[in-house]
PDB file of N, CA and C in Angstrom:
ATOM      1  N   MET A   1     105.559 152.798 141.229  1.00  0.00           N
ATOM      2  CA  MET A   1     105.456 152.549 139.761  1.00  0.00           C
ATOM      3  C   MET A   1     104.230 152.999 139.244  1.00  0.00           C
ATOM      4  N   THR A   2     104.424 153.710 138.163  1.00  0.00           N
ATOM      5  CA  THR A   2     103.117 154.228 137.479  1.00  0.00           C
ATOM      6  C   THR A   2     102.824 153.528 136.247  1.00  0.00           C
ATOM      7  N   THR A   3     101.630 153.343 135.914  1.00  0.00           N
ATOM      8  CA  THR A   3     101.223 152.595 134.781  1.00  0.00           C
ATOM      9  C   THR A   3     100.933 153.721 133.642  1.00  0.00           C
ATOM     10  N   ARG A   4     101.549 153.329 132.577  1.00  0.00           N
ATOM     11  CA  ARG A   4     101.325 154.271 131.427  1.00  0.00           C
ATOM     12  C   ARG A   4     100.219 153.655 130.500  1.00  0.00           C
ATOM     13  N   PRO A   5      99.503 154.373 129.745  1.00  0.00           N
ATOM     14  CA  PRO A   5      98.461 153.943 128.901  1.00  0.00           C
ATOM     15  C   PRO A   5      99.185 153.036 127.780  1.00  0.00           C
ATOM     16  N   VAL A   6      98.582 152.066 127.142  1.00  0.00           N
ATOM     17  CA  VAL A   6      99.068 151.298 126.114  1.00  0.00           C
ATOM     18  C   VAL A   6      98.743 151.938 124.893  1.00  0.00           C
ATOM     19  N   PRO A   7      99.836 152.155 124.203  1.00  0.00           N
ATOM     20  CA  PRO A   7      99.737 152.779 122.837  1.00  0.00           C
ATOM     21  C   PRO A   7      98.786 152.103 121.956  1.00  0.00           C
ATOM     22  N   ARG A   8      98.047 152.915 121.006  1.00  0.00           N
ATOM     23  CA  ARG A   8      97.015 152.186 120.195  1.00  0.00           C
ATOM     24  C   ARG A   8      97.604 151.210 119.134  1.00  0.00           C
ATOM     25  N   ASN A   9      98.922 151.275 118.679  1.00  0.00           N
ATOM     26  CA  ASN A   9      99.472 150.347 117.823  1.00  0.00           C
ATOM     27  C   ASN A   9      99.991 148.978 118.248  1.00  0.00           C
ATOM     28  N   VAL A  10      99.944 148.858 119.622  1.00  0.00           N
ATOM     29  CA  VAL A  10     100.491 147.685 120.258  1.00  0.00           C
ATOM     30  C   VAL A  10      99.362 146.520 120.250  1.00  0.00           C
ATOM     31  N   PRO A  11      99.428 145.481 119.580  1.00  0.00           N
ATOM     32  CA  PRO A  11      98.537 144.380 119.529  1.00  0.00           C
ATOM     33  C   PRO A  11      98.128 143.850 120.882  1.00  0.00           C
ATOM     34  N   THR A  12      96.779 143.473 121.202  1.00  0.00           N
ATOM     35  CA  THR A  12      96.330 142.977 122.398  1.00  0.00           C
ATOM     36  C   THR A  12      95.727 141.674 122.159  1.00  0.00           C
ATOM     37  N   LEU A  13      95.627 140.757 123.144  1.00  0.00           N
ATOM     38  CA  LEU A  13      95.192 139.434 122.969  1.00  0.00           C
ATOM     39  C   LEU A  13      93.686 139.673 123.284  1.00  0.00           C
ATOM     40  N   THR A  14      92.870 139.222 122.219  1.00  0.00           N
ATOM     41  CA  THR A  14      91.359 139.395 122.337  1.00  0.00           C
ATOM     42  C   THR A  14      90.599 137.898 122.412  1.00  0.00           C
ATOM     43  N   GLU A  15      91.302 136.884 122.118  1.00  0.00           N
ATOM     44  CA  GLU A  15      90.743 135.529 122.152  1.00  0.00           C
ATOM     45  C   GLU A  15      91.861 134.639 122.611  1.00  0.00           C
ATOM     46  N   VAL A  16      91.348 133.410 123.194  1.00  0.00           N
ATOM     47  CA  VAL A  16      92.219 132.335 123.595  1.00  0.00           C
ATOM     48  C   VAL A  16      92.423 131.408 122.270  1.00  0.00           C
ATOM     49  N   VAL A  17      93.602 131.102 121.925  1.00  0.00           N
ATOM     50  CA  VAL A  17      93.809 130.082 120.927  1.00  0.00           C
ATOM     51  C   VAL A  17      94.391 128.831 121.352  1.00  0.00           C
ATOM     52  N   GLU A  18      93.593 127.805 121.049  1.00  0.00           N
ATOM     53  CA  GLU A  18      94.121 126.499 121.525  1.00  0.00           C
ATOM     54  C   GLU A  18      95.054 125.973 120.652  1.00  0.00           C
ATOM     55  N   PRO A  19      96.178 125.145 121.079  1.00  0.00           N
ATOM     56  CA  PRO A  19      97.159 124.683 120.086  1.00  0.00           C
ATOM     57  C   PRO A  19      96.589 123.567 119.236  1.00  0.00           C
ATOM     58  N   GLY A  20      97.098 123.522 118.041  1.00  0.00           N
ATOM     59  CA  GLY A  20      96.572 122.457 117.019  1.00  0.00           C
ATOM     60  C   GLY A  20      97.369 121.264 117.313  1.00  0.00           C
ATOM     61  N   PRO A  21      97.036 120.162 116.590  1.00  0.00           N
ATOM     62  CA  PRO A  21      97.755 118.884 116.799  1.00  0.00           C
ATOM     63  C   PRO A  21      99.273 118.986 116.393  1.00  0.00           C
ATOM     64  N   GLN A  22      99.561 119.837 115.406  1.00  0.00           N
ATOM     65  CA  GLN A  22     100.974 120.034 114.995  1.00  0.00           C
ATOM     66  C   GLN A  22     101.719 120.779 116.155  1.00  0.00           C
ATOM     67  N   GLN A  23     101.097 121.698 116.761  1.00  0.00           N
ATOM     68  CA  GLN A  23     101.704 122.500 117.806  1.00  0.00           C
ATOM     69  C   GLN A  23     102.058 121.572 119.017  1.00  0.00           C
ATOM     70  N   VAL A  24     100.919 120.818 119.266  1.00  0.00           N
ATOM     71  CA  VAL A  24     101.147 119.748 120.393  1.00  0.00           C
ATOM     72  C   VAL A  24     102.260 118.746 120.175  1.00  0.00           C
ATOM     73  N   PHE A  25     102.282 118.278 118.998  1.00  0.00           N
ATOM     74  CA  PHE A  25     103.472 117.377 118.663  1.00  0.00           C
ATOM     75  C   PHE A  25     104.722 118.014 118.590  1.00  0.00           C
ATOM     76  N   ALA A  26     104.868 119.187 118.184  1.00  0.00           N
ATOM     77  CA  ALA A  26     106.164 120.109 118.176  1.00  0.00           C
ATOM     78  C   ALA A  26     106.641 120.189 119.636  1.00  0.00           C
ATOM     79  N   SER A  27     105.629 120.465 120.515  1.00  0.00           N
ATOM     80  CA  SER A  27     106.055 120.786 121.881  1.00  0.00           C
ATOM     81  C   SER A  27     106.075 119.482 122.694  1.00  0.00           C
ATOM     82  N   ALA A  28     105.901 118.308 122.311  1.00  0.00           N
ATOM     83  CA  ALA A  28     105.836 117.024 123.059  1.00  0.00           C
ATOM     84  C   ALA A  28     107.341 116.667 123.380  1.00  0.00           C
ATOM     85  N   PRO A  29     107.416 116.174 124.610  1.00  0.00           N
ATOM     86  CA  PRO A  29     108.787 115.934 125.009  1.00  0.00           C
ATOM     87  C   PRO A  29     109.373 114.664 124.197  1.00  0.00           C
ATOM     88  N   ALA A  30     110.719 114.512 124.196  1.00  0.00           N
ATOM     89  CA  ALA A  30     111.302 113.502 123.325  1.00  0.00           C
ATOM     90  C   ALA A  30     110.775 112.145 123.710  1.00  0.00           C
ATOM     91  N   SER A  31     110.516 111.854 124.920  1.00  0.00           N
ATOM     92  CA  SER A  31     110.048 110.570 125.291  1.00  0.00           C
ATOM     93  C   SER A  31     108.685 110.139 124.635  1.00  0.00           C
ATOM     94  N   ALA A  32     107.840 111.278 124.691  1.00  0.00           N
ATOM     95  CA  ALA A  32     106.460 111.095 124.047  1.00  0.00           C
ATOM     96  C   ALA A  32     106.623 110.820 122.580  1.00  0.00           C
ATOM     97  N   GLU A  33     107.538 111.494 121.958  1.00  0.00           N
ATOM     98  CA  GLU A  33     107.793 111.431 120.584  1.00  0.00           C
ATOM     99  C   GLU A  33     108.439 110.009 120.241  1.00  0.00           C
ATOM    100  N   GLU A  34     109.121 109.392 121.135  1.00  0.00           N
ATOM    101  CA  GLU A  34     109.716 108.145 120.957  1.00  0.00           C
ATOM    102  C   GLU A  34     108.573 107.050 121.193  1.00  0.00           C
ATOM    103  N   ARG A  35     107.739 107.364 121.988  1.00  0.00           N
ATOM    104  CA  ARG A  35     106.696 106.318 122.255  1.00  0.00           C
ATOM    105  C   ARG A  35     105.707 106.300 120.887  1.00  0.00           C
ATOM    106  N   ILE A  36     105.543 107.481 120.296  1.00  0.00           N
ATOM    107  CA  ILE A  36     104.782 107.534 119.139  1.00  0.00           C
ATOM    108  C   ILE A  36     105.399 106.811 118.003  1.00  0.00           C
ATOM    109  N   VAL A  37     106.610 107.024 117.833  1.00  0.00           N
ATOM    110  CA  VAL A  37     107.514 106.477 116.859  1.00  0.00           C
ATOM    111  C   VAL A  37     107.489 104.918 117.086  1.00  0.00           C
ATOM    112  N   GLN A  38     107.586 104.389 118.224  1.00  0.00           N
ATOM    113  CA  GLN A  38     107.542 102.968 118.489  1.00  0.00           C
ATOM    114  C   GLN A  38     106.316 102.380 118.160  1.00  0.00           C
ATOM    115  N   ARG A  39     105.218 102.949 118.461  1.00  0.00           N
ATOM    116  CA  ARG A  39     103.828 102.496 118.171  1.00  0.00           C
ATOM    117  C   ARG A  39     103.646 102.482 116.667  1.00  0.00           C
ATOM    118  N   VAL A  40     104.017 103.526 116.035  1.00  0.00           N
ATOM    119  CA  VAL A  40     103.905 103.473 114.407  1.00  0.00           C
ATOM    120  C   VAL A  40     104.804 102.284 113.826  1.00  0.00           C
ATOM    121  N   MET A  41     105.901 102.158 114.392  1.00  0.00           N
ATOM    122  CA  MET A  41     106.884 101.193 113.876  1.00  0.00           C
ATOM    123  C   MET A  41     106.233  99.730 114.142  1.00  0.00           C
ATOM    124  N   GLN A  42     105.683  99.534 115.356  1.00  0.00           N
ATOM    125  CA  GLN A  42     105.051  98.267 115.459  1.00  0.00           C
ATOM    126  C   GLN A  42     103.859  97.872 114.516  1.00  0.00           C
ATOM    127  N   ARG A  43     103.122  98.810 114.220  1.00  0.00           N
ATOM    128  CA  ARG A  43     102.149  98.722 113.224  1.00  0.00           C
ATOM    129  C   ARG A  43     102.756  98.399 111.802  1.00  0.00           C
ATOM    130  N   ILE A  44     103.813  99.168 111.523  1.00  0.00           N
ATOM    131  CA  ILE A  44     104.356  99.034 110.193  1.00  0.00           C
ATOM    132  C   ILE A  44     105.176  97.697 110.192  1.00  0.00           C
ATOM    133  N   ASP A  45     105.906  97.293 111.145  1.00  0.00           N
ATOM    134  CA  ASP A  45     106.624  96.034 111.240  1.00  0.00           C
ATOM    135  C   ASP A  45     105.748  94.659 110.900  1.00  0.00           C
ATOM    136  N   ALA A  46     104.445  94.769 111.563  1.00  0.00           N
ATOM    137  CA  ALA A  46     103.576  93.640 111.192  1.00  0.00           C
ATOM    138  C   ALA A  46     103.254  93.516 109.721  1.00  0.00           C
ATOM    139  N   GLU A  47     102.906  94.771 109.130  1.00  0.00           N
ATOM    140  CA  GLU A  47     102.506  94.750 107.789  1.00  0.00           C
ATOM    141  C   GLU A  47     103.721  94.520 106.819  1.00  0.00           C
ATOM    142  N   LEU A  48     104.901  95.108 107.231  1.00  0.00           N
ATOM    143  CA  LEU A  48     106.154  94.982 106.470  1.00  0.00           C
ATOM    144  C   LEU A  48     106.480  93.420 106.375  1.00  0.00           C
ATOM    145  N   ASP A  49     106.474  92.811 107.495  1.00  0.00           N
ATOM    146  CA  ASP A  49     106.797  91.385 107.610  1.00  0.00           C
ATOM    147  C   ASP A  49     105.963  90.427 106.748  1.00  0.00           C
ATOM    148  N   GLN A  50     104.626  90.768 106.680  1.00  0.00           N
ATOM    149  CA  GLN A  50     103.690  90.049 105.875  1.00  0.00           C
ATOM    150  C   GLN A  50     103.907  90.318 104.431  1.00  0.00           C
ATOM    151  N   ARG A  51     104.020  91.473 103.944  1.00  0.00           N
ATOM    152  CA  ARG A  51     104.425  91.840 102.646  1.00  0.00           C
ATOM    153  C   ARG A  51     105.729  91.250 102.170  1.00  0.00           C
ATOM    154  N   LEU A  52     106.838  91.332 103.042  1.00  0.00           N
ATOM    155  CA  LEU A  52     108.019  90.708 102.778  1.00  0.00           C
ATOM    156  C   LEU A  52     107.966  89.306 102.555  1.00  0.00           C
ATOM    157  N   ARG A  53     107.258  88.603 103.277  1.00  0.00           N
ATOM    158  CA  ARG A  53     106.951  87.123 103.126  1.00  0.00           C
ATOM    159  C   ARG A  53     106.437  86.799 101.866  1.00  0.00           C
ATOM    160  N   GLU A  54     105.313  87.555 101.595  1.00  0.00           N
ATOM    161  CA  GLU A  54     104.594  87.445 100.306  1.00  0.00           C
ATOM    162  C   GLU A  54     105.480  87.676  99.078  1.00  0.00           C
ATOM    163  N   ALA A  55     106.353  88.746  99.139  1.00  0.00           N
ATOM    164  CA  ALA A  55     107.186  88.986  98.118  1.00  0.00           C
ATOM    165  C   ALA A  55     108.250  87.861  97.966  1.00  0.00           C
ATOM    166  N   VAL A  56     108.791  87.439  98.980  1.00  0.00           N
ATOM    167  CA  VAL A  56     109.921  86.304  98.901  1.00  0.00           C
ATOM    168  C   VAL A  56     109.203  85.066  98.278  1.00  0.00           C
ATOM    169  N   ALA A  57     108.022  84.633  98.787  1.00  0.00           N
ATOM    170  CA  ALA A  57     107.385  83.394  98.372  1.00  0.00           C
ATOM    171  C   ALA A  57     107.125  83.664  96.842  1.00  0.00           C
ATOM    172  N   SER A  58     106.657  84.882  96.352  1.00  0.00           N
ATOM    173  CA  SER A  58     106.382  85.065  94.974  1.00  0.00           C
ATOM    174  C   SER A  58     107.699  84.846  94.203  1.00  0.00           C
ATOM    175  N   LEU A  59     108.716  85.443  94.698  1.00  0.00           N
ATOM    176  CA  LEU A  59     110.009  85.325  93.968  1.00  0.00           C
ATOM    177  C   LEU A  59     110.564  83.917  94.038  1.00  0.00           C
ATOM    178  N   VAL A  60     110.395  83.133  94.941  1.00  0.00           N
ATOM    179  CA  VAL A  60     110.800  81.763  95.094  1.00  0.00           C
ATOM    180  C   VAL A  60     110.054  80.979  94.032  1.00  0.00           C
ATOM    181  N   VAL A  61     108.729  81.094  93.911  1.00  0.00           N
ATOM    182  CA  VAL A  61     107.846  80.510  92.874  1.00  0.00           C
ATOM    183  C   VAL A  61     108.402  80.796  91.502  1.00  0.00           C
ATOM    184  N   GLU A  62     108.662  82.100  91.294  1.00  0.00           N
ATOM    185  CA  GLU A  62     108.901  82.570  89.901  1.00  0.00           C
ATOM    186  C   GLU A  62     110.345  81.948  89.505  1.00  0.00           C
ATOM    187  N   GLN A  63     111.316  82.037  90.355  1.00  0.00           N
ATOM    188  CA  GLN A  63     112.565  81.464  90.110  1.00  0.00           C
ATOM    189  C   GLN A  63     112.519  79.958  90.050  1.00  0.00           C
ATOM    190  N   THR A  64     111.797  79.180  90.701  1.00  0.00           N
ATOM    191  CA  THR A  64     111.675  77.850  90.645  1.00  0.00           C
ATOM    192  C   THR A  64     111.127  77.456  89.215  1.00  0.00           C
ATOM    193  N   ARG A  65     110.129  78.205  88.792  1.00  0.00           N
ATOM    194  CA  ARG A  65     109.465  77.931  87.562  1.00  0.00           C
ATOM    195  C   ARG A  65     110.527  78.142  86.437  1.00  0.00           C
ATOM    196  N   ALA A  66     111.280  79.207  86.460  1.00  0.00           N
ATOM    197  CA  ALA A  66     112.220  79.576  85.613  1.00  0.00           C
ATOM    198  C   ALA A  66     113.450  78.541  85.506  1.00  0.00           C
ATOM    199  N   LEU A  67     113.700  78.016  86.831  1.00  0.00           N
ATOM    200  CA  LEU A  67     114.836  77.104  86.895  1.00  0.00           C
ATOM    201  C   LEU A  67     114.490  75.782  86.444  1.00  0.00           C
ATOM    202  N   GLY A  68     113.191  75.342  86.617  1.00  0.00           N
ATOM    203  CA  GLY A  68     112.862  73.963  86.174  1.00  0.00           C
ATOM    204  C   GLY A  68     113.422  73.461  84.834  1.00  0.00           C
ATOM    205  N   PRO A  69     112.918  74.145  83.735  1.00  0.00           N
ATOM    206  CA  PRO A  69     113.347  73.721  82.483  1.00  0.00           C
ATOM    207  C   PRO A  69     114.885  73.657  82.384  1.00  0.00           C
ATOM    208  N   ARG A  70     115.572  74.687  82.805  1.00  0.00           N
ATOM    209  CA  ARG A  70     116.956  74.544  82.711  1.00  0.00           C
ATOM    210  C   ARG A  70     117.664  73.292  83.474  1.00  0.00           C
ATOM    211  N   LEU A  71     117.032  73.056  84.678  1.00  0.00           N
ATOM    212  CA  LEU A  71     117.670  71.910  85.423  1.00  0.00           C
ATOM    213  C   LEU A  71     117.205  70.622  84.617  1.00  0.00           C
ATOM    214  N   ARG A  72     116.078  70.584  84.010  1.00  0.00           N
ATOM    215  CA  ARG A  72     115.582  69.461  83.184  1.00  0.00           C
ATOM    216  C   ARG A  72     116.528  69.107  82.147  1.00  0.00           C
ATOM    217  N   GLN A  73     116.887  70.335  81.343  1.00  0.00           N
ATOM    218  CA  GLN A  73     117.777  70.145  80.285  1.00  0.00           C
ATOM    219  C   GLN A  73     119.220  69.553  80.732  1.00  0.00           C
ATOM    220  N   GLU A  74     119.787  70.228  81.809  1.00  0.00           N
ATOM    221  CA  GLU A  74     121.023  69.744  82.298  1.00  0.00           C
ATOM    222  C   GLU A  74     121.041  68.277  82.571  1.00  0.00           C
ATOM    223  N   ILE A  75     120.010  67.855  83.325  1.00  0.00           N
ATOM    224  CA  ILE A  75     119.807  66.393  83.780  1.00  0.00           C
ATOM    225  C   ILE A  75     119.671  65.526  82.391  1.00  0.00           C
ATOM    226  N   GLU A  76     118.896  66.034  81.573  1.00  0.00           N
ATOM    227  CA  GLU A  76     118.779  65.222  80.345  1.00  0.00           C
ATOM    228  C   GLU A  76     120.245  64.974  79.525  1.00  0.00           C
ATOM    229  N   GLU A  77     120.969  66.048  79.586  1.00  0.00           N
ATOM    230  CA  GLU A  77     122.220  65.990  79.016  1.00  0.00           C
ATOM    231  C   GLU A  77     123.184  65.017  79.666  1.00  0.00           C
ATOM    232  N   GLU A  78     123.121  64.987  81.080  1.00  0.00           N
ATOM    233  CA  GLU A  78     123.929  64.035  81.816  1.00  0.00           C
ATOM    234  C   GLU A  78     123.407  62.647  81.692  1.00  0.00           C
ATOM    235  N   VAL A  79     122.053  62.498  81.557  1.00  0.00           N
ATOM    236  CA  VAL A  79     121.649  61.068  81.403  1.00  0.00           C
ATOM    237  C   VAL A  79     121.990  60.610  79.950  1.00  0.00           C
ATOM    238  N   ARG A  80     121.910  61.440  78.956  1.00  0.00           N
ATOM    239  CA  ARG A  80     122.400  60.973  77.510  1.00  0.00           C
ATOM    240  C   ARG A  80     123.905  60.722  77.733  1.00  0.00           C
ATOM    241  N   LEU A  81     124.650  61.417  78.317  1.00  0.00           N
ATOM    242  CA  LEU A  81     126.019  61.167  78.497  1.00  0.00           C
ATOM    243  C   LEU A  81     126.326  59.773  79.066  1.00  0.00           C
ATOM    244  N   ALA A  82     125.571  59.597  80.112  1.00  0.00           N
ATOM    245  CA  ALA A  82     125.709  58.328  81.027  1.00  0.00           C
ATOM    246  C   ALA A  82     125.329  57.113  80.126  1.00  0.00           C
ATOM    247  N   VAL A  83     124.170  57.410  79.383  1.00  0.00           N
ATOM    248  CA  VAL A  83     123.745  56.190  78.460  1.00  0.00           C
ATOM    249  C   VAL A  83     124.755  56.014  77.498  1.00  0.00           C
ATOM    250  N   THR A  84     125.218  57.022  76.751  1.00  0.00           N
ATOM    251  CA  THR A  84     126.345  56.845  75.905  1.00  0.00           C
ATOM    252  C   THR A  84     127.481  56.135  76.192  1.00  0.00           C
ATOM    253  N   GLN A  85     127.987  56.491  77.382  1.00  0.00           N
ATOM    254  CA  GLN A  85     129.138  55.857  77.939  1.00  0.00           C
ATOM    255  C   GLN A  85     128.821  54.300  78.262  1.00  0.00           C
ATOM    256  N   ALA A  86     127.663  54.145  78.922  1.00  0.00           N
ATOM    257  CA  ALA A  86     127.297  52.757  79.322  1.00  0.00           C
ATOM    258  C   ALA A  86     127.266  51.941  77.912  1.00  0.00           C
ATOM    259  N   LEU A  87     126.557  52.307  76.884  1.00  0.00           N
ATOM    260  CA  LEU A  87     126.542  51.547  75.638  1.00  0.00           C
ATOM    261  C   LEU A  87     127.867  51.455  75.050  1.00  0.00           C
ATOM    262  N   ALA A  88     128.817  52.378  75.181  1.00  0.00           N
ATOM    263  CA  ALA A  88     130.097  52.312  74.685  1.00  0.00           C
ATOM    264  C   ALA A  88     130.829  51.228  75.304  1.00  0.00           C
ATOM    265  N   GLU A  89     130.726  51.297  76.601  1.00  0.00           N
ATOM    266  CA  GLU A  89     131.361  50.218  77.455  1.00  0.00           C
ATOM    267  C   GLU A  89     130.917  48.873  77.354  1.00  0.00           C
ATOM    268  N   GLN A  90     129.596  48.776  77.073  1.00  0.00           N
ATOM    269  CA  GLN A  90     128.935  47.438  76.814  1.00  0.00           C
ATOM    270  C   GLN A  90     129.349  46.870  75.488  1.00  0.00           C
ATOM    271  N   ALA A  91     129.427  47.770  74.416  1.00  0.00           N
ATOM    272  CA  ALA A  91     129.909  47.451  73.089  1.00  0.00           C
ATOM    273  C   ALA A  91     131.427  46.931  73.120  1.00  0.00           C
ATOM    274  N   ALA A  92     132.248  47.697  73.931  1.00  0.00           N
ATOM    275  CA  ALA A  92     133.633  47.341  74.004  1.00  0.00           C
ATOM    276  C   ALA A  92     133.821  45.970  74.717  1.00  0.00           C
ATOM    277  N   ALA A  93     132.972  45.673  75.602  1.00  0.00           N
ATOM    278  CA  ALA A  93     133.091  44.380  76.478  1.00  0.00           C
ATOM    279  C   ALA A  93     132.585  43.249  75.521  1.00  0.00           C
ATOM    280  N   LYS A  94     131.833  43.530  74.538  1.00  0.00           N
ATOM    281  CA  LYS A  94     131.452  42.400  73.612  1.00  0.00           C
ATOM    282  C   LYS A  94     132.428  42.143  72.600  1.00  0.00           C
ATOM    283  N   SER A  95     133.319  43.179  72.360  1.00  0.00           N
ATOM    284  CA  SER A  95     134.217  42.981  71.231  1.00  0.00           C
ATOM    285  C   SER A  95     135.428  42.049  71.668  1.00  0.00           C
TER     286      SER A  95
END
């Protein structure tokens, strides 16, 4: 086998290029990718859980505040009705 000279227009490697982080990630096996996803999700889960608790607590307080006056009004109406009925029954019993 004889070696021929390399033509001038063929590119040649003149330096070693190390892969960047994106290239390493792209070439990572699926199991490594899964481990990374699981680690990120563990960090997110803790933060998400805390934020969800805070949001739900805030909504419960807000709804309770809004519901309070309405419930008070309904209870007042029921008390008025009960008092009216009781007075009417008492008046009827005296007659």
